[in-house]
Protein backbone atom coordinates (compact mmCIF):
# COMPACT_ATOMS: atom_id res chain seq x y z
CA MET A 1 -114.38 -1.25 50.96
CA GLU A 2 -113.83 0.85 54.01
CA GLY A 3 -115.14 -0.35 57.15
CA GLN A 4 -114.65 -4.09 55.80
CA ASN A 5 -111.12 -4.22 54.55
CA LEU A 6 -110.16 -0.79 54.49
CA ALA A 7 -109.63 2.03 57.16
CA ILE A 8 -108.95 5.57 56.82
CA GLU A 9 -107.40 7.82 59.35
CA PHE A 10 -107.22 11.29 59.49
CA VAL A 11 -104.65 13.29 61.25
CA TRP A 12 -104.06 16.70 61.44
CA ALA A 13 -101.31 19.27 62.47
CA GLU A 14 -103.91 21.94 63.36
CA ASN A 15 -102.28 24.41 60.76
CA ARG A 16 -98.96 24.34 62.91
CA PHE A 17 -96.14 23.40 60.53
CA ASP A 18 -93.53 23.02 63.41
CA GLY A 19 -95.62 19.98 64.56
CA LEU A 20 -95.51 18.24 61.26
CA GLU A 21 -92.21 16.27 62.01
CA THR A 22 -93.66 14.60 65.26
CA LEU A 23 -96.75 14.25 63.42
CA ALA A 24 -95.06 12.16 60.73
CA ALA A 25 -93.09 10.25 62.97
CA GLU A 26 -96.19 8.94 64.88
CA VAL A 27 -97.85 8.11 61.78
CA VAL A 28 -95.08 6.24 60.44
CA ALA A 29 -94.78 4.31 63.65
CA ARG A 30 -98.23 3.09 63.12
CA ARG A 31 -97.33 1.50 59.90
CA PRO A 32 -100.17 2.39 57.75
CA SER A 33 -100.47 0.92 54.29
CA VAL A 34 -100.20 4.35 52.60
CA ILE A 35 -99.95 7.75 53.64
CA ILE A 36 -101.68 10.42 51.65
CA SER A 37 -100.67 14.15 52.36
CA ASN A 38 -100.21 17.67 51.11
CA THR A 39 -96.42 19.16 50.28
CA LEU A 40 -95.08 19.91 53.50
CA ALA A 41 -96.55 16.79 55.18
CA ALA A 42 -95.06 14.58 52.74
CA ILE A 43 -91.60 16.07 53.20
CA ARG A 44 -91.70 15.11 56.79
CA ALA A 45 -93.15 11.72 55.97
CA LYS A 46 -90.53 11.03 53.56
CA SER A 47 -87.82 11.93 55.89
CA SER A 48 -89.42 9.34 58.55
CA THR A 49 -89.89 6.50 55.98
CA THR A 50 -88.57 4.70 52.81
CA ALA A 51 -90.83 2.02 53.15
CA ILE A 52 -94.25 2.95 53.35
CA PRO A 53 -95.81 4.28 49.91
CA ILE A 54 -96.35 8.04 50.26
CA VAL A 55 -98.97 9.84 47.96
CA PHE A 56 -98.92 13.53 47.74
CA THR A 57 -100.89 16.36 46.44
CA THR A 58 -99.05 19.66 45.69
CA GLY A 59 -99.24 22.89 44.35
CA SER A 60 -95.24 23.09 44.28
CA ASP A 61 -92.58 21.61 42.45
CA PRO A 62 -92.08 17.91 43.80
CA ILE A 63 -88.81 17.65 42.29
CA ARG A 64 -87.40 21.17 43.80
CA ASP A 65 -88.98 20.38 46.96
CA GLY A 66 -87.06 16.91 46.98
CA LEU A 67 -90.20 14.59 47.01
CA VAL A 68 -89.00 12.78 43.83
CA THR A 69 -86.06 12.86 41.36
CA SER A 70 -88.05 12.55 38.23
CA LEU A 71 -91.73 13.10 37.47
CA ASN A 72 -91.76 10.24 34.92
CA ARG A 73 -89.69 7.75 37.34
CA PRO A 74 -90.27 8.82 40.75
CA GLY A 75 -88.68 5.96 42.19
CA GLY A 76 -88.49 5.04 45.88
CA ASN A 77 -91.59 5.07 47.91
CA VAL A 78 -93.16 8.42 46.85
CA THR A 79 -95.47 9.84 44.03
CA GLY A 80 -98.47 11.99 43.48
CA VAL A 81 -100.17 14.49 41.62
CA VAL A 82 -99.17 18.32 40.99
CA PHE A 83 -102.27 20.74 40.61
CA ILE A 84 -100.24 23.79 39.22
CA THR A 85 -100.87 27.24 40.95
CA GLY A 86 -97.71 29.17 41.34
CA THR A 87 -96.34 28.98 37.54
CA VAL A 88 -99.62 30.71 36.21
CA GLY A 89 -99.09 33.89 38.39
CA GLY A 90 -98.71 35.72 35.34
CA LYS A 91 -102.28 34.72 33.85
CA ARG A 92 -103.94 35.78 37.06
CA LEU A 93 -102.07 38.87 36.82
CA GLU A 94 -103.44 39.11 33.21
CA LEU A 95 -107.05 38.44 34.17
CA LEU A 96 -107.26 41.03 37.01
CA ARG A 97 -105.88 43.89 34.89
CA GLN A 98 -108.46 43.21 32.41
CA LEU A 99 -111.48 43.46 35.01
CA VAL A 100 -109.52 46.44 37.00
CA PRO A 101 -107.33 48.15 34.19
CA LYS A 102 -107.15 51.56 35.88
CA ALA A 103 -105.71 49.90 38.85
CA GLY A 104 -102.20 51.73 38.99
CA THR A 105 -101.05 49.69 41.88
CA ILE A 106 -101.72 46.19 42.34
CA ALA A 107 -100.71 44.57 45.63
CA MET A 108 -99.42 40.57 45.81
CA LEU A 109 -99.99 39.09 49.12
CA VAL A 110 -97.24 36.35 49.69
CA ASN A 111 -96.55 34.12 52.29
CA PRO A 112 -92.95 33.67 52.02
CA GLY A 113 -90.55 31.21 52.76
CA THR A 114 -91.57 28.38 50.19
CA GLY A 115 -89.98 27.90 46.89
CA GLU A 116 -93.54 28.16 45.04
CA SER A 117 -94.02 31.19 46.90
CA ASP A 118 -90.91 32.55 45.63
CA ALA A 119 -91.18 31.36 42.20
CA GLU A 120 -94.77 32.84 41.88
CA ARG A 121 -93.50 36.10 43.21
CA ALA A 122 -90.77 36.36 40.55
CA GLU A 123 -93.06 35.31 37.55
CA VAL A 124 -96.02 37.81 38.40
CA GLN A 125 -93.10 40.70 38.86
CA ALA A 126 -91.54 39.88 35.56
CA ALA A 127 -95.04 39.78 33.91
CA ALA A 128 -95.86 43.09 35.82
CA GLN A 129 -92.77 44.85 34.21
CA THR A 130 -93.45 43.48 30.95
CA VAL A 131 -96.93 45.62 30.73
CA GLY A 132 -95.76 48.45 32.87
CA GLN A 133 -97.68 47.42 36.00
CA GLN A 134 -96.53 48.52 39.40
CA ILE A 135 -96.92 45.73 41.81
CA ARG A 136 -96.61 46.08 45.77
CA ILE A 137 -95.66 42.79 47.35
CA VAL A 138 -96.86 42.37 50.97
CA GLU A 139 -95.50 39.60 53.11
CA ILE A 140 -97.80 38.14 55.34
CA ARG A 141 -96.60 35.32 57.76
CA ASN A 142 -99.51 34.43 60.04
CA THR A 143 -103.35 34.88 60.38
CA ALA A 144 -103.19 37.77 62.57
CA GLU A 145 -101.36 39.93 60.15
CA ILE A 146 -104.07 39.42 57.00
CA GLU A 147 -106.39 42.38 58.16
CA THR A 148 -103.59 45.00 59.14
CA ALA A 149 -101.83 44.17 55.85
CA VAL A 150 -104.95 44.40 53.57
CA ALA A 151 -105.68 47.56 55.03
CA ALA A 152 -102.34 49.04 54.50
CA ALA A 153 -102.11 47.86 51.07
CA VAL A 154 -105.46 49.99 50.51
CA ALA A 155 -104.42 53.02 52.22
CA ALA A 156 -101.23 53.12 50.00
CA GLY A 157 -103.30 53.12 47.15
CA ALA A 158 -103.53 49.53 45.82
CA GLY A 159 -106.64 49.09 43.64
CA ALA A 160 -106.64 45.35 43.26
CA LEU A 161 -104.98 42.36 45.48
CA LEU A 162 -103.54 39.27 43.93
CA VAL A 163 -103.64 36.36 46.19
CA GLY A 164 -100.67 34.30 46.28
CA THR A 165 -100.59 30.66 46.05
CA GLY A 166 -99.85 28.10 49.09
CA THR A 167 -101.14 26.25 52.10
CA PHE A 168 -101.06 29.30 54.39
CA TRP A 169 -103.45 31.09 52.05
CA PHE A 170 -105.75 28.00 51.31
CA ASN A 171 -106.13 27.65 54.95
CA ASN A 172 -107.05 31.26 55.55
CA ARG A 173 -109.29 31.61 52.60
CA VAL A 174 -112.21 32.67 54.62
CA PRO A 175 -110.28 35.66 56.69
CA ILE A 176 -108.35 36.81 53.55
CA VAL A 177 -111.97 36.78 51.31
CA GLU A 178 -113.71 38.88 54.24
CA SER A 179 -111.05 41.17 54.41
CA ALA A 180 -111.12 42.00 50.93
CA ALA A 181 -114.83 42.57 51.15
CA ARG A 182 -114.47 44.64 54.36
CA HIS A 183 -112.34 47.10 52.46
CA ALA A 184 -114.22 47.03 49.14
CA ILE A 185 -111.04 45.64 46.97
CA PRO A 186 -111.23 43.46 44.15
CA ALA A 187 -109.04 40.21 44.33
CA MET A 188 -107.97 37.47 42.26
CA TYR A 189 -107.33 34.16 44.06
CA THR A 190 -105.68 30.77 42.85
CA LEU A 191 -108.30 28.15 43.47
CA ARG A 192 -112.14 27.83 43.00
CA GLU A 193 -112.69 27.18 46.87
CA TYR A 194 -112.13 31.09 47.46
CA VAL A 195 -114.65 32.20 45.07
CA GLU A 196 -117.01 29.55 46.89
CA ALA A 197 -116.06 31.28 49.88
CA GLY A 198 -117.25 34.61 48.45
CA GLY A 199 -114.22 35.77 46.53
CA LEU A 200 -114.41 37.82 43.63
CA MET A 201 -112.49 35.22 41.17
CA SER A 202 -109.85 32.65 40.72
CA TYR A 203 -107.95 31.26 38.11
CA GLY A 204 -106.15 27.73 38.44
CA ALA A 205 -106.15 24.02 38.76
CA SER A 206 -108.83 22.01 40.28
CA ILE A 207 -107.55 20.72 43.60
CA SER A 208 -110.59 18.57 43.80
CA ASP A 209 -109.42 16.60 40.37
CA ALA A 210 -106.12 16.52 41.82
CA PHE A 211 -107.45 14.74 44.87
CA HIS A 212 -109.73 12.35 43.13
CA GLN A 213 -106.46 11.49 40.99
CA ALA A 214 -104.32 10.87 44.34
CA GLY A 215 -107.27 8.27 45.55
CA LEU A 216 -107.13 6.50 42.35
CA TYR A 217 -103.29 6.12 42.88
CA THR A 218 -103.72 5.13 46.48
CA GLY A 219 -106.12 2.26 45.16
CA ARG A 220 -103.70 1.10 42.68
CA ILE A 221 -101.18 0.95 45.41
CA LEU A 222 -103.31 -0.86 47.82
CA LYS A 223 -103.68 -3.38 45.03
CA GLY A 224 -99.93 -4.14 44.77
CA GLU A 225 -98.49 -1.13 42.48
CA LYS A 226 -95.29 0.24 43.74
CA PRO A 227 -95.33 3.97 44.07
CA GLY A 228 -91.80 4.56 42.50
CA ASP A 229 -93.45 3.15 39.13
CA LEU A 230 -96.37 5.47 39.14
CA PRO A 231 -95.07 8.46 36.92
CA VAL A 232 -96.28 12.07 38.94
CA ILE A 233 -99.23 13.05 37.19
CA GLN A 234 -99.66 16.89 36.42
CA SER A 235 -103.15 18.14 36.41
CA THR A 236 -104.23 19.93 33.15
CA LYS A 237 -107.51 20.92 34.05
CA PHE A 238 -107.56 24.55 34.94
CA GLU A 239 -110.59 26.62 35.81
CA LEU A 240 -111.63 30.59 35.73
CA MET A 241 -114.27 31.06 38.25
CA ILE A 242 -116.22 34.28 38.52
CA ASN A 243 -118.72 35.56 41.48
CA LEU A 244 -121.11 38.07 40.06
CA LYS A 245 -122.85 38.38 43.53
CA THR A 246 -119.53 39.86 44.88
CA ALA A 247 -118.55 41.84 41.57
CA LYS A 248 -122.30 43.52 42.04
CA THR A 249 -121.16 44.44 45.67
CA LEU A 250 -118.05 45.82 44.59
CA GLY A 251 -119.91 47.78 41.80
CA LEU A 252 -117.65 45.90 38.94
CA GLN A 253 -118.81 44.57 35.71
CA PHE A 254 -117.11 41.70 33.53
CA HIS A 255 -116.89 42.04 29.89
CA PRO A 256 -119.07 39.63 28.06
CA GLN A 257 -116.11 37.90 26.47
CA LEU A 258 -114.24 37.36 30.32
CA LEU A 259 -117.64 35.81 31.43
CA ALA A 260 -117.86 33.56 28.37
CA THR A 261 -114.53 32.04 28.92
CA ALA A 262 -115.41 31.44 32.66
CA ASP A 263 -115.73 27.68 33.59
CA GLU A 264 -118.22 28.31 36.41
CA VAL A 265 -120.38 31.73 37.28
CA ILE A 266 -121.55 32.10 40.81
CA GLU A 267 -124.77 34.63 40.68
């Protein structure tokens, strides 16, 4: 019970990835019972301790990222939950094309430098080639570049945006949604939180469900189970979210069949 036999401390890097290593070392030095974190923080924490249990939530591949060696038998002091994002990039492209079939060029916004971003980029390009869709890759490395990059993509003739996966985009979901609105361009996102912020539509795993599962694992570890004995959970719940208010502003109409398959519609 929090406040009785449990204390939860929230520690942030203020979106500065270069400060994560120092922050992780400081957290480990305080010797908490469990560390819960996202992908990048979990990688830093793992390099700082082999004793303190770590529970991660990630939209990336934890084996490729070096967090675990096996999903079924993670071993060591790390386990967690994977909410799949990048590997459904082709599906997001398909849904976006259904909405804007006349978009000759679709701009894909990516934040390069992570394995998940690279994998999603390759998948989307392969899917686009299969259906003859022109894709324009736009790399954005910091928040200040978002507005300029979206404006440039629109000026170059992009008829829609496909926003990539990753922590950078999630942390900047409000600026990217606002930029797409200013330029009146349809955009597809990875998670429902973008649509709740005013984005047009999203398709991906439920991040809230992933964090709930991570909380359950944390409770089990606090009761004595070892993280290495807890298989990495892979999210199986996917959501299609649609914002009809945004669609109306853009002058778009969703096909009834697409609306019928949506998990939630915001009006």
